[in-house]
């Protein structure tokens, strides 16, 4: 059985995914940076990043949680996926 990712693991994955898609250096991206201020970021980029993270983590974020504020930084995305993974574990626990 695979252990659930820690928050630090999630943040590293989110950072790598965001940086990979936006062609940024992970060492220089502050987790609190508002991605909407970056030239390479768009609503299309946000959707692509979200879908990639959902696929990598095997969890689908409920549509009602998908707001611009929840997709605009590494910290916000990490929070979003931490919540979804936590809820999935709670539902699948006996």
PDB file of N, CA and C in Angstrom:
ATOM      1  N   UNK A   1       0.842  -1.193   0.000  1.00  0.00           N
ATOM      2  CA  UNK A   1       0.000   0.000   0.000  1.00  0.00           C
ATOM      3  C   UNK A   1       0.880   1.247   0.000  1.00  0.00           C
ATOM      4  N   UNK A   2       0.561   2.188  -0.859  1.00  0.00           N
ATOM      5  CA  UNK A   2       1.315   3.422  -0.956  1.00  0.00           C
ATOM      6  C   UNK A   2       0.909   4.382   0.143  1.00  0.00           C
ATOM      7  N   UNK A   3       1.900   5.022   0.744  1.00  0.00           N
ATOM      8  CA  UNK A   3       1.599   6.021   1.765  1.00  0.00           C
ATOM      9  C   UNK A   3       1.113   7.301   1.095  1.00  0.00           C
ATOM     10  N   UNK A   4       0.174   8.000   1.736  1.00  0.00           N
ATOM     11  CA  UNK A   4      -0.282   9.260   1.149  1.00  0.00           C
ATOM     12  C   UNK A   4       0.868  10.272   1.159  1.00  0.00           C
ATOM     13  N   UNK A   5       0.889  11.157   0.181  1.00  0.00           N
ATOM     14  CA  UNK A   5       1.967  12.147   0.142  1.00  0.00           C
ATOM     15  C   UNK A   5       1.859  13.111   1.313  1.00  0.00           C
ATOM     16  N   UNK A   6       3.002  13.543   1.811  1.00  0.00           N
ATOM     17  CA  UNK A   6       3.013  14.576   2.850  1.00  0.00           C
ATOM     18  C   UNK A   6       2.728  15.918   2.185  1.00  0.00           C
ATOM     19  N   UNK A   7       2.482  16.924   2.988  1.00  0.00           N
ATOM     20  CA  UNK A   7       2.257  18.267   2.440  1.00  0.00           C
ATOM     21  C   UNK A   7       3.506  18.727   1.673  1.00  0.00           C
ATOM     22  N   UNK A   8       4.679  18.432   2.213  1.00  0.00           N
ATOM     23  CA  UNK A   8       5.927  18.810   1.531  1.00  0.00           C
ATOM     24  C   UNK A   8       6.035  18.094   0.179  1.00  0.00           C
ATOM     25  N   UNK A   9       5.664  16.804   0.143  1.00  0.00           N
ATOM     26  CA  UNK A   9       5.666  16.060  -1.123  1.00  0.00           C
ATOM     27  C   UNK A   9       4.709  16.706  -2.127  1.00  0.00           C
ATOM     28  N   UNK A  10       3.524  17.039  -1.652  1.00  0.00           N
ATOM     29  CA  UNK A  10       2.531  17.673  -2.524  1.00  0.00           C
ATOM     30  C   UNK A  10       3.049  18.994  -3.074  1.00  0.00           C
ATOM     31  N   UNK A  11       3.637  19.797  -2.204  1.00  0.00           N
ATOM     32  CA  UNK A  11       4.128  21.101  -2.639  1.00  0.00           C
ATOM     33  C   UNK A  11       5.253  20.943  -3.659  1.00  0.00           C
ATOM     34  N   UNK A  12       6.117  19.945  -3.472  1.00  0.00           N
ATOM     35  CA  UNK A  12       7.183  19.698  -4.461  1.00  0.00           C
ATOM     36  C   UNK A  12       6.580  19.293  -5.802  1.00  0.00           C
ATOM     37  N   UNK A  13       5.575  18.426  -5.788  1.00  0.00           N
ATOM     38  CA  UNK A  13       4.925  17.996  -7.021  1.00  0.00           C
ATOM     39  C   UNK A  13       4.228  19.169  -7.707  1.00  0.00           C
ATOM     40  N   UNK A  14       3.498  19.958  -6.940  1.00  0.00           N
ATOM     41  CA  UNK A  14       2.809  21.121  -7.509  1.00  0.00           C
ATOM     42  C   UNK A  14       3.829  22.086  -8.106  1.00  0.00           C
ATOM     43  N   UNK A  15       4.895  22.357  -7.368  1.00  0.00           N
ATOM     44  CA  UNK A  15       5.940  23.263  -7.860  1.00  0.00           C
ATOM     45  C   UNK A  15       6.536  22.738  -9.164  1.00  0.00           C
ATOM     46  N   UNK A  16       6.881  21.459  -9.191  1.00  0.00           N
ATOM     47  CA  UNK A  16       7.479  20.869 -10.394  1.00  0.00           C
ATOM     48  C   UNK A  16       6.515  20.928 -11.571  1.00  0.00           C
ATOM     49  N   UNK A  17       5.236  20.669 -11.318  1.00  0.00           N
ATOM     50  CA  UNK A  17       4.233  20.693 -12.387  1.00  0.00           C
ATOM     51  C   UNK A  17       4.042  22.101 -12.921  1.00  0.00           C
ATOM     52  N   UNK A  18       3.887  23.063 -12.024  1.00  0.00           N
ATOM     53  CA  UNK A  18       3.718  24.464 -12.427  1.00  0.00           C
ATOM     54  C   UNK A  18       4.951  24.939 -13.198  1.00  0.00           C
ATOM     55  N   UNK A  19       6.119  24.693 -12.649  1.00  0.00           N
ATOM     56  CA  UNK A  19       7.345  25.161 -13.288  1.00  0.00           C
ATOM     57  C   UNK A  19       7.587  24.472 -14.624  1.00  0.00           C
ATOM     58  N   UNK A  20       7.291  23.193 -14.683  1.00  0.00           N
ATOM     59  CA  UNK A  20       7.451  22.475 -15.941  1.00  0.00           C
ATOM     60  C   UNK A  20       6.540  23.018 -17.031  1.00  0.00           C
ATOM     61  N   UNK A  21       5.301  23.305 -16.668  1.00  0.00           N
ATOM     62  CA  UNK A  21       4.351  23.797 -17.661  1.00  0.00           C
ATOM     63  C   UNK A  21       4.639  25.246 -18.063  1.00  0.00           C
ATOM     64  N   UNK A  22       5.050  26.057 -17.101  1.00  0.00           N
ATOM     65  CA  UNK A  22       5.279  27.479 -17.381  1.00  0.00           C
ATOM     66  C   UNK A  22       6.733  27.788 -17.734  1.00  0.00           C
ATOM     67  N   UNK A  23       7.568  26.756 -17.773  1.00  0.00           N
ATOM     68  CA  UNK A  23       8.995  26.909 -18.099  1.00  0.00           C
ATOM     69  C   UNK A  23       9.684  27.876 -17.136  1.00  0.00           C
ATOM     70  N   UNK A  24       9.492  27.615 -15.839  1.00  0.00           N
ATOM     71  CA  UNK A  24      10.099  28.420 -14.781  1.00  0.00           C
ATOM     72  C   UNK A  24      11.119  27.579 -14.026  1.00  0.00           C
ATOM     73  N   UNK A  25      12.010  28.236 -13.333  1.00  0.00           N
ATOM     74  CA  UNK A  25      12.992  27.570 -12.490  1.00  0.00           C
ATOM     75  C   UNK A  25      12.369  27.367 -11.105  1.00  0.00           C
ATOM     76  N   UNK A  26      12.249  26.129 -10.688  1.00  0.00           N
ATOM     77  CA  UNK A  26      11.613  25.815  -9.397  1.00  0.00           C
ATOM     78  C   UNK A  26      12.342  26.467  -8.228  1.00  0.00           C
ATOM     79  N   UNK A  27      13.634  26.680  -8.365  1.00  0.00           N
ATOM     80  CA  UNK A  27      14.415  27.287  -7.281  1.00  0.00           C
ATOM     81  C   UNK A  27      14.057  28.756  -7.062  1.00  0.00           C
ATOM     82  N   UNK A  28      13.508  29.400  -8.073  1.00  0.00           N
ATOM     83  CA  UNK A  28      13.225  30.833  -7.962  1.00  0.00           C
ATOM     84  C   UNK A  28      11.744  31.151  -7.789  1.00  0.00           C
ATOM     85  N   UNK A  29      10.885  30.140  -7.883  1.00  0.00           N
ATOM     86  CA  UNK A  29       9.447  30.391  -7.740  1.00  0.00           C
ATOM     87  C   UNK A  29       9.047  30.333  -6.272  1.00  0.00           C
ATOM     88  N   UNK A  30       8.613  31.453  -5.741  1.00  0.00           N
ATOM     89  CA  UNK A  30       8.106  31.509  -4.374  1.00  0.00           C
ATOM     90  C   UNK A  30       6.731  30.839  -4.360  1.00  0.00           C
ATOM     91  N   UNK A  31       6.472  29.953  -3.391  1.00  0.00           N
ATOM     92  CA  UNK A  31       5.184  29.244  -3.359  1.00  0.00           C
ATOM     93  C   UNK A  31       3.963  30.161  -3.260  1.00  0.00           C
ATOM     94  N   UNK A  32       4.159  31.385  -2.765  1.00  0.00           N
ATOM     95  CA  UNK A  32       3.049  32.328  -2.629  1.00  0.00           C
ATOM     96  C   UNK A  32       2.870  33.239  -3.842  1.00  0.00           C
ATOM     97  N   UNK A  33       3.735  33.130  -4.828  1.00  0.00           N
ATOM     98  CA  UNK A  33       3.644  33.978  -6.010  1.00  0.00           C
ATOM     99  C   UNK A  33       2.294  33.799  -6.692  1.00  0.00           C
ATOM    100  N   UNK A  34       1.639  34.912  -7.008  1.00  0.00           N
ATOM    101  CA  UNK A  34       0.376  34.864  -7.744  1.00  0.00           C
ATOM    102  C   UNK A  34       0.718  34.584  -9.201  1.00  0.00           C
ATOM    103  N   UNK A  35       0.390  33.391  -9.647  1.00  0.00           N
ATOM    104  CA  UNK A  35       0.741  32.957 -10.995  1.00  0.00           C
ATOM    105  C   UNK A  35       0.051  33.796 -12.062  1.00  0.00           C
ATOM    106  N   UNK A  36      -1.066  34.426 -11.706  1.00  0.00           N
ATOM    107  CA  UNK A  36      -1.802  35.236 -12.678  1.00  0.00           C
ATOM    108  C   UNK A  36      -0.994  36.430 -13.162  1.00  0.00           C
ATOM    109  N   UNK A  37       0.056  36.799 -12.421  1.00  0.00           N
ATOM    110  CA  UNK A  37       0.915  37.906 -12.829  1.00  0.00           C
ATOM    111  C   UNK A  37       2.031  37.498 -13.770  1.00  0.00           C
ATOM    112  N   UNK A  38       2.141  36.213 -14.044  1.00  0.00           N
ATOM    113  CA  UNK A  38       3.196  35.727 -14.933  1.00  0.00           C
ATOM    114  C   UNK A  38       2.703  35.687 -16.376  1.00  0.00           C
ATOM    115  N   UNK A  39       3.540  36.092 -17.282  1.00  0.00           N
ATOM    116  CA  UNK A  39       3.169  36.161 -18.698  1.00  0.00           C
ATOM    117  C   UNK A  39       2.725  34.802 -19.243  1.00  0.00           C
ATOM    118  N   UNK A  40       3.384  33.730 -18.810  1.00  0.00           N
ATOM    119  CA  UNK A  40       3.087  32.397 -19.348  1.00  0.00           C
ATOM    120  C   UNK A  40       1.802  31.787 -18.788  1.00  0.00           C
ATOM    121  N   UNK A  41       1.242  32.389 -17.741  1.00  0.00           N
ATOM    122  CA  UNK A  41       0.063  31.818 -17.090  1.00  0.00           C
ATOM    123  C   UNK A  41      -1.214  32.334 -17.740  1.00  0.00           C
ATOM    124  N   UNK A  42      -2.172  31.437 -17.920  1.00  0.00           N
ATOM    125  CA  UNK A  42      -3.484  31.785 -18.464  1.00  0.00           C
ATOM    126  C   UNK A  42      -4.494  30.806 -17.886  1.00  0.00           C
ATOM    127  N   UNK A  43      -5.752  31.023 -18.203  1.00  0.00           N
ATOM    128  CA  UNK A  43      -6.766  30.076 -17.724  1.00  0.00           C
ATOM    129  C   UNK A  43      -6.533  28.698 -18.345  1.00  0.00           C
ATOM    130  N   UNK A  44      -6.037  28.670 -19.565  1.00  0.00           N
ATOM    131  CA  UNK A  44      -5.729  27.386 -20.212  1.00  0.00           C
ATOM    132  C   UNK A  44      -4.585  26.679 -19.492  1.00  0.00           C
ATOM    133  N   UNK A  45      -3.569  27.443 -19.100  1.00  0.00           N
ATOM    134  CA  UNK A  45      -2.453  26.864 -18.349  1.00  0.00           C
ATOM    135  C   UNK A  45      -2.940  26.324 -17.016  1.00  0.00           C
ATOM    136  N   UNK A  46      -3.834  27.058 -16.353  1.00  0.00           N
ATOM    137  CA  UNK A  46      -4.366  26.613 -15.067  1.00  0.00           C
ATOM    138  C   UNK A  46      -5.085  25.278 -15.207  1.00  0.00           C
ATOM    139  N   UNK A  47      -5.889  25.142 -16.254  1.00  0.00           N
ATOM    140  CA  UNK A  47      -6.630  23.895 -16.474  1.00  0.00           C
ATOM    141  C   UNK A  47      -5.666  22.748 -16.772  1.00  0.00           C
ATOM    142  N   UNK A  48      -4.669  22.999 -17.581  1.00  0.00           N
ATOM    143  CA  UNK A  48      -3.687  21.964 -17.917  1.00  0.00           C
ATOM    144  C   UNK A  48      -2.932  21.513 -16.669  1.00  0.00           C
ATOM    145  N   UNK A  49      -2.508  22.463 -15.845  1.00  0.00           N
ATOM    146  CA  UNK A  49      -1.797  22.140 -14.601  1.00  0.00           C
ATOM    147  C   UNK A  49      -2.705  21.341 -13.679  1.00  0.00           C
ATOM    148  N   UNK A  50      -3.953  21.784 -13.518  1.00  0.00           N
ATOM    149  CA  UNK A  50      -4.920  21.080 -12.675  1.00  0.00           C
ATOM    150  C   UNK A  50      -5.114  19.645 -13.147  1.00  0.00           C
ATOM    151  N   UNK A  51      -5.337  19.462 -14.438  1.00  0.00           N
ATOM    152  CA  UNK A  51      -5.567  18.121 -14.976  1.00  0.00           C
ATOM    153  C   UNK A  51      -4.346  17.226 -14.785  1.00  0.00           C
ATOM    154  N   UNK A  52      -3.172  17.778 -14.959  1.00  0.00           N
ATOM    155  CA  UNK A  52      -1.945  16.990 -14.781  1.00  0.00           C
ATOM    156  C   UNK A  52      -1.806  16.539 -13.331  1.00  0.00           C
ATOM    157  N   UNK A  53      -2.073  17.450 -12.396  1.00  0.00           N
ATOM    158  CA  UNK A  53      -1.990  17.102 -10.977  1.00  0.00           C
ATOM    159  C   UNK A  53      -3.048  16.073 -10.596  1.00  0.00           C
ATOM    160  N   UNK A  54      -4.258  16.224 -11.114  1.00  0.00           N
ATOM    161  CA  UNK A  54      -5.307  15.239 -10.839  1.00  0.00           C
ATOM    162  C   UNK A  54      -4.875  13.856 -11.333  1.00  0.00           C
ATOM    163  N   UNK A  55      -4.300  13.822 -12.516  1.00  0.00           N
ATOM    164  CA  UNK A  55      -3.841  12.548 -13.075  1.00  0.00           C
ATOM    165  C   UNK A  55      -2.693  11.966 -12.241  1.00  0.00           C
ATOM    166  N   UNK A  56      -1.730  12.790 -11.915  1.00  0.00           N
ATOM    167  CA  UNK A  56      -0.567  12.315 -11.154  1.00  0.00           C
ATOM    168  C   UNK A  56      -0.946  11.827  -9.759  1.00  0.00           C
ATOM    169  N   UNK A  57      -1.931  12.483  -9.154  1.00  0.00           N
ATOM    170  CA  UNK A  57      -2.324  12.146  -7.783  1.00  0.00           C
ATOM    171  C   UNK A  57      -3.505  11.184  -7.718  1.00  0.00           C
ATOM    172  N   UNK A  58      -4.143  10.939  -8.851  1.00  0.00           N
ATOM    173  CA  UNK A  58      -5.271  10.012  -8.873  1.00  0.00           C
ATOM    174  C   UNK A  58      -6.475  10.503  -8.100  1.00  0.00           C
ATOM    175  N   UNK A  59      -6.694  11.801  -8.139  1.00  0.00           N
ATOM    176  CA  UNK A  59      -7.835  12.384  -7.434  1.00  0.00           C
ATOM    177  C   UNK A  59      -8.430  13.480  -8.304  1.00  0.00           C
ATOM    178  N   UNK A  60      -9.769  13.574  -8.284  1.00  0.00           N
ATOM    179  CA  UNK A  60     -10.440  14.637  -9.025  1.00  0.00           C
ATOM    180  C   UNK A  60     -10.954  15.670  -8.037  1.00  0.00           C
ATOM    181  N   UNK A  61     -10.604  16.922  -8.285  1.00  0.00           N
ATOM    182  CA  UNK A  61     -11.059  18.009  -7.422  1.00  0.00           C
ATOM    183  C   UNK A  61     -12.493  18.344  -7.822  1.00  0.00           C
ATOM    184  N   UNK A  62     -13.407  18.403  -6.847  1.00  0.00           N
ATOM    185  CA  UNK A  62     -14.798  18.748  -7.171  1.00  0.00           C
ATOM    186  C   UNK A  62     -14.879  20.114  -7.864  1.00  0.00           C
ATOM    187  N   UNK A  63     -15.691  20.195  -8.893  1.00  0.00           N
ATOM    188  CA  UNK A  63     -15.813  21.412  -9.703  1.00  0.00           C
ATOM    189  C   UNK A  63     -16.147  22.645  -8.869  1.00  0.00           C
ATOM    190  N   UNK A  64     -16.949  22.481  -7.824  1.00  0.00           N
ATOM    191  CA  UNK A  64     -17.338  23.649  -7.022  1.00  0.00           C
ATOM    192  C   UNK A  64     -16.172  24.277  -6.265  1.00  0.00           C
ATOM    193  N   UNK A  65     -15.061  23.573  -6.172  1.00  0.00           N
ATOM    194  CA  UNK A  65     -13.870  24.121  -5.497  1.00  0.00           C
ATOM    195  C   UNK A  65     -12.934  24.859  -6.450  1.00  0.00           C
ATOM    196  N   UNK A  66     -13.211  24.777  -7.720  1.00  0.00           N
ATOM    197  CA  UNK A  66     -12.298  25.340  -8.713  1.00  0.00           C
ATOM    198  C   UNK A  66     -12.586  26.822  -8.946  1.00  0.00           C
ATOM    199  N   UNK A  67     -11.924  27.653  -8.160  1.00  0.00           N
ATOM    200  CA  UNK A  67     -12.016  29.104  -8.314  1.00  0.00           C
ATOM    201  C   UNK A  67     -10.645  29.628  -8.713  1.00  0.00           C
ATOM    202  N   UNK A  68     -10.625  30.820  -9.266  1.00  0.00           N
ATOM    203  CA  UNK A  68      -9.354  31.422  -9.689  1.00  0.00           C
ATOM    204  C   UNK A  68      -8.366  31.502  -8.525  1.00  0.00           C
ATOM    205  N   UNK A  69      -8.861  31.827  -7.348  1.00  0.00           N
ATOM    206  CA  UNK A  69      -7.984  31.966  -6.187  1.00  0.00           C
ATOM    207  C   UNK A  69      -7.346  30.642  -5.775  1.00  0.00           C
ATOM    208  N   UNK A  70      -8.012  29.548  -6.046  1.00  0.00           N
ATOM    209  CA  UNK A  70      -7.488  28.232  -5.668  1.00  0.00           C
ATOM    210  C   UNK A  70      -6.535  27.655  -6.705  1.00  0.00           C
ATOM    211  N   UNK A  71      -6.402  28.328  -7.829  1.00  0.00           N
ATOM    212  CA  UNK A  71      -5.538  27.836  -8.906  1.00  0.00           C
ATOM    213  C   UNK A  71      -4.380  28.792  -9.186  1.00  0.00           C
ATOM    214  N   UNK A  72      -4.204  29.805  -8.334  1.00  0.00           N
ATOM    215  CA  UNK A  72      -3.292  30.893  -8.698  1.00  0.00           C
ATOM    216  C   UNK A  72      -1.939  30.875  -8.001  1.00  0.00           C
ATOM    217  N   UNK A  73      -1.653  29.897  -7.167  1.00  0.00           N
ATOM    218  CA  UNK A  73      -0.326  29.825  -6.553  1.00  0.00           C
ATOM    219  C   UNK A  73      -0.028  28.380  -6.164  1.00  0.00           C
ATOM    220  N   UNK A  74       1.244  28.130  -5.941  1.00  0.00           N
ATOM    221  CA  UNK A  74       1.646  26.788  -5.509  1.00  0.00           C
ATOM    222  C   UNK A  74       0.993  26.458  -4.173  1.00  0.00           C
ATOM    223  N   UNK A  75       0.968  27.409  -3.256  1.00  0.00           N
ATOM    224  CA  UNK A  75       0.361  27.176  -1.940  1.00  0.00           C
ATOM    225  C   UNK A  75      -1.124  26.863  -2.078  1.00  0.00           C
ATOM    226  N   UNK A  76      -1.837  27.638  -2.892  1.00  0.00           N
ATOM    227  CA  UNK A  76      -3.283  27.415  -3.067  1.00  0.00           C
ATOM    228  C   UNK A  76      -3.559  26.059  -3.711  1.00  0.00           C
ATOM    229  N   UNK A  77      -2.772  25.698  -4.713  1.00  0.00           N
ATOM    230  CA  UNK A  77      -2.952  24.394  -5.350  1.00  0.00           C
ATOM    231  C   UNK A  77      -2.616  23.257  -4.397  1.00  0.00           C
ATOM    232  N   UNK A  78      -1.579  23.447  -3.599  1.00  0.00           N
ATOM    233  CA  UNK A  78      -1.217  22.426  -2.608  1.00  0.00           C
ATOM    234  C   UNK A  78      -2.353  22.242  -1.611  1.00  0.00           C
ATOM    235  N   UNK A  79      -2.924  23.338  -1.132  1.00  0.00           N
ATOM    236  CA  UNK A  79      -4.062  23.270  -0.210  1.00  0.00           C
ATOM    237  C   UNK A  79      -5.244  22.540  -0.850  1.00  0.00           C
ATOM    238  N   UNK A  80      -5.523  22.876  -2.097  1.00  0.00           N
ATOM    239  CA  UNK A  80      -6.643  22.274  -2.818  1.00  0.00           C
ATOM    240  C   UNK A  80      -6.481  20.757  -2.912  1.00  0.00           C
ATOM    241  N   UNK A  81      -5.291  20.303  -3.280  1.00  0.00           N
ATOM    242  CA  UNK A  81      -5.075  18.867  -3.418  1.00  0.00           C
ATOM    243  C   UNK A  81      -4.925  18.171  -2.073  1.00  0.00           C
ATOM    244  N   UNK A  82      -4.376  18.841  -1.082  1.00  0.00           N
ATOM    245  CA  UNK A  82      -4.287  18.245   0.251  1.00  0.00           C
ATOM    246  C   UNK A  82      -5.693  17.964   0.775  1.00  0.00           C
ATOM    247  N   UNK A  83      -6.606  18.905   0.575  1.00  0.00           N
ATOM    248  CA  UNK A  83      -7.994  18.724   1.019  1.00  0.00           C
ATOM    249  C   UNK A  83      -8.654  17.574   0.273  1.00  0.00           C
ATOM    250  N   UNK A  84      -8.492  17.528  -1.038  1.00  0.00           N
ATOM    251  CA  UNK A  84      -9.130  16.470  -1.838  1.00  0.00           C
ATOM    252  C   UNK A  84      -8.578  15.094  -1.481  1.00  0.00           C
ATOM    253  N   UNK A  85      -7.267  15.001  -1.280  1.00  0.00           N
ATOM    254  CA  UNK A  85      -6.666  13.717  -0.908  1.00  0.00           C
ATOM    255  C   UNK A  85      -7.108  13.289   0.486  1.00  0.00           C
ATOM    256  N   UNK A  86      -7.200  14.232   1.402  1.00  0.00           N
ATOM    257  CA  UNK A  86      -7.640  13.936   2.759  1.00  0.00           C
ATOM    258  C   UNK A  86      -9.076  13.413   2.756  1.00  0.00           C
ATOM    259  N   UNK A  87      -9.931  14.035   1.977  1.00  0.00           N
ATOM    260  CA  UNK A  87     -11.328  13.591   1.892  1.00  0.00           C
ATOM    261  C   UNK A  87     -11.424  12.218   1.247  1.00  0.00           C
ATOM    262  N   UNK A  88     -10.607  11.969   0.246  1.00  0.00           N
ATOM    263  CA  UNK A  88     -10.628  10.647  -0.397  1.00  0.00           C
ATOM    264  C   UNK A  88     -10.208   9.571   0.594  1.00  0.00           C
ATOM    265  N   UNK A  89      -9.188   9.850   1.401  1.00  0.00           N
ATOM    266  CA  UNK A  89      -8.750   8.882   2.405  1.00  0.00           C
ATOM    267  C   UNK A  89      -9.844   8.643   3.441  1.00  0.00           C
ATOM    268  N   UNK A  90     -10.543   9.698   3.844  1.00  0.00           N
ATOM    269  CA  UNK A  90     -11.597   9.564   4.845  1.00  0.00           C
ATOM    270  C   UNK A  90     -12.746   8.707   4.309  1.00  0.00           C
ATOM    271  N   UNK A  91     -13.075   8.865   3.043  1.00  0.00           N
ATOM    272  CA  UNK A  91     -14.161   8.094   2.432  1.00  0.00           C
ATOM    273  C   UNK A  91     -13.762   6.644   2.245  1.00  0.00           C
ATOM    274  N   UNK A  92     -12.491   6.399   1.914  1.00  0.00           N
ATOM    275  CA  UNK A  92     -12.057   5.019   1.634  1.00  0.00           C
ATOM    276  C   UNK A  92     -11.605   4.262   2.880  1.00  0.00           C
ATOM    277  N   UNK A  93     -11.510   4.949   4.016  1.00  0.00           N
ATOM    278  CA  UNK A  93     -11.123   4.271   5.256  1.00  0.00           C
ATOM    279  C   UNK A  93     -12.292   3.462   5.811  1.00  0.00           C
ATOM    280  N   UNK A  94     -11.994   2.277   6.347  1.00  0.00           N
ATOM    281  CA  UNK A  94     -13.087   1.453   6.901  1.00  0.00           C
ATOM    282  C   UNK A  94     -13.644   2.041   8.184  1.00  0.00           C
TER     283      UNK A  94
END
